[in-house]
C-alpha cells in the first residue's frame, strides 16, 4: 500500500478583492477560485459547492464543468462569485477534490482585503489585490 504523495505545488489560486457590481454599481467582495493548470482548448468552469456560514466561507471543489460558450479559449478553470455585505474577519476554507482542506484567514473592508492567516503549504495559492480600482471619471 502506498501513501498519497504530499503536494508541493498549489492546485488552486484563490483571489479575493473589493469589487463593484457592474449592474447595480454597489460595492461587493469578489471571490475567484481558479485551477493553477491552464487548459489548451476550453475555459472550463470550476464546479464548487459554496456556502457562507457565519464568518466562514466554505468552497468545496466538485470538478470541472463544460464551458457555456462553444468558442474555444485557453486558460484556467474558474469559479467566481460576488458577495455583498462582507465586512470584518472571515475564514475561507477551500476543500480540494482529494478531500484536503486549507483554511485562509482574511480581513475584508469595502476598500481592501488583507490576509490574516496564511494558508500554509498545500493545495492553494492566494492573491489579494490590496485596493479597489478607481472608477473612471
Protein backbone atom coordinates (compact mmCIF):
# COMPACT_ATOMS: atom_id res chain seq x y z
CA UNK A 1 0.00 0.00 0.00
CA UNK A 2 1.44 3.36 -0.99
CA UNK A 3 0.98 6.62 0.80
CA UNK A 4 -0.53 9.51 -1.12
CA UNK A 5 2.14 12.00 -2.16
CA UNK A 6 2.14 15.36 -0.44
CA UNK A 7 1.58 18.20 -2.83
CA UNK A 8 4.41 20.63 -3.23
CA UNK A 9 2.66 22.79 -5.82
CA UNK A 10 -0.65 24.55 -5.41
CA UNK A 11 -3.61 23.18 -7.40
CA UNK A 12 -5.82 26.25 -6.96
CA UNK A 13 -5.41 30.01 -6.83
CA UNK A 14 -7.73 31.97 -4.54
CA UNK A 15 -8.29 35.65 -5.29
CA UNK A 16 -10.38 37.85 -3.02
CA UNK A 17 -10.81 41.53 -3.82
CA UNK A 18 -13.09 44.51 -3.30
CA UNK A 19 -15.26 44.93 -6.37
CA UNK A 20 -18.14 47.00 -7.74
CA UNK A 21 -21.09 45.12 -9.22
CA UNK A 22 -21.40 46.22 -12.86
CA UNK A 23 -25.19 46.12 -12.91
CA UNK A 24 -26.02 47.77 -9.56
CA UNK A 25 -22.80 49.79 -9.07
CA UNK A 26 -22.84 48.62 -5.42
CA UNK A 27 -19.64 47.57 -3.61
CA UNK A 28 -19.14 43.86 -3.01
CA UNK A 29 -16.38 41.32 -2.49
CA UNK A 30 -15.33 39.19 -5.46
CA UNK A 31 -14.13 35.66 -4.70
CA UNK A 32 -12.40 33.79 -7.53
CA UNK A 33 -11.08 30.24 -7.31
CA UNK A 34 -9.05 29.02 -10.31
CA UNK A 35 -7.01 25.99 -11.20
CA UNK A 36 -3.29 26.72 -11.50
CA UNK A 37 -3.31 24.48 -14.58
CA UNK A 38 -4.30 26.10 -17.86
CA UNK A 39 -6.42 24.17 -20.34
CA UNK A 40 -5.48 24.48 -24.01
CA UNK A 41 -8.86 24.07 -25.73
CA UNK A 42 -11.57 25.30 -23.36
CA UNK A 43 -12.03 27.66 -20.40
CA UNK A 44 -13.77 25.17 -18.12
CA UNK A 45 -15.90 26.28 -15.20
CA UNK A 46 -14.81 25.04 -11.80
CA UNK A 47 -17.80 23.35 -10.15
CA UNK A 48 -17.82 24.46 -6.50
CA UNK A 49 -20.26 23.82 -3.66
CA UNK A 50 -20.13 27.13 -1.79
CA UNK A 51 -21.80 28.15 1.42
CA UNK A 52 -21.36 31.05 3.81
CA UNK A 53 -21.95 30.08 7.45
CA UNK A 54 -21.46 32.96 9.83
CA UNK A 55 -17.92 34.19 9.21
CA UNK A 56 -16.76 31.07 7.36
CA UNK A 57 -16.97 30.68 3.59
CA UNK A 58 -16.71 27.05 2.51
CA UNK A 59 -15.59 26.35 -1.08
CA UNK A 60 -15.66 22.63 -1.93
CA UNK A 61 -14.33 21.77 -5.38
CA UNK A 62 -16.56 19.20 -7.12
CA UNK A 63 -14.82 19.04 -10.50
CA UNK A 64 -14.95 20.69 -13.91
CA UNK A 65 -17.99 21.74 -15.95
CA UNK A 66 -18.06 22.24 -19.69
CA UNK A 67 -17.96 25.91 -20.67
CA UNK A 68 -21.25 27.66 -21.53
CA UNK A 69 -19.86 29.10 -24.76
CA UNK A 70 -18.85 26.96 -27.72
CA UNK A 71 -15.93 29.22 -28.61
CA UNK A 72 -12.56 27.69 -27.86
CA UNK A 73 -10.31 29.57 -25.44
CA UNK A 74 -7.31 28.68 -23.34
CA UNK A 75 -6.93 29.32 -19.62
CA UNK A 76 -7.61 28.00 -16.14
CA UNK A 77 -10.92 26.58 -14.92
CA UNK A 78 -12.63 29.18 -12.76
CA UNK A 79 -15.35 29.76 -10.16
CA UNK A 80 -16.33 33.35 -9.36
CA UNK A 81 -18.99 34.86 -7.15
CA UNK A 82 -19.75 38.30 -5.76
CA UNK A 83 -20.72 38.59 -2.09
CA UNK A 84 -22.35 41.73 -0.72
CA UNK A 85 -22.18 42.86 2.88
CA UNK A 86 -18.93 41.14 3.88
CA UNK A 87 -17.04 43.24 6.42
CA UNK A 88 -14.58 42.13 9.09
CA UNK A 89 -12.61 38.93 9.65
CA UNK A 90 -13.56 35.75 7.80
CA UNK A 91 -12.14 32.29 7.24
CA UNK A 92 -12.26 30.86 3.74
CA UNK A 93 -11.94 27.07 3.70
CA UNK A 94 -11.02 25.54 0.34
CA UNK A 95 -11.58 21.79 0.06
CA UNK A 96 -9.92 20.07 -2.90
CA UNK A 97 -11.05 17.05 -4.88
CA UNK A 98 -8.89 14.78 -2.73
CA UNK A 99 -10.68 15.91 0.44
CA UNK A 100 -7.84 18.01 1.79
CA UNK A 101 -8.94 21.38 3.13
CA UNK A 102 -7.00 24.57 3.70
CA UNK A 103 -8.28 27.50 5.80
CA UNK A 104 -7.29 31.05 4.90
CA UNK A 105 -7.94 33.99 7.23
CA UNK A 106 -8.89 37.34 5.70
CA UNK A 107 -9.97 40.80 6.81
CA UNK A 108 -12.46 42.37 4.41
CA UNK A 109 -13.29 46.06 4.22
CA UNK A 110 -15.03 47.95 1.40
CA UNK A 111 -11.63 49.20 0.18
CA UNK A 112 -9.21 46.33 0.86
CA UNK A 113 -8.81 42.63 1.61
CA UNK A 114 -5.83 41.56 3.71
CA UNK A 115 -4.50 38.19 4.72
CA UNK A 116 -4.71 37.50 8.47
CA UNK A 117 -3.91 33.77 8.44
CA UNK A 118 -1.77 32.37 5.61
CA UNK A 119 -2.80 29.01 4.18
CA UNK A 120 0.49 27.19 4.70
CA UNK A 121 1.65 24.55 2.25
CA UNK A 122 -0.90 22.64 0.28
CA UNK A 123 -3.45 22.91 -2.44
CA UNK A 124 -3.84 26.68 -2.62
CA UNK A 125 -2.03 29.88 -3.52
CA UNK A 126 -3.56 33.23 -2.54
CA UNK A 127 -3.71 36.57 -4.32
CA UNK A 128 -5.28 39.57 -2.59
CA UNK A 129 -5.15 42.82 -4.54
CA UNK A 130 -4.86 45.47 -1.87
CA UNK A 131 -7.28 48.13 -3.10
CA UNK A 132 -10.35 48.64 -5.24
CA UNK A 133 -9.79 50.06 -8.68
CA UNK A 134 -10.74 53.69 -9.02
CA UNK A 135 -13.72 54.30 -11.23
CA UNK A 136 -13.02 56.47 -14.25
CA UNK A 137 -14.40 59.91 -14.25
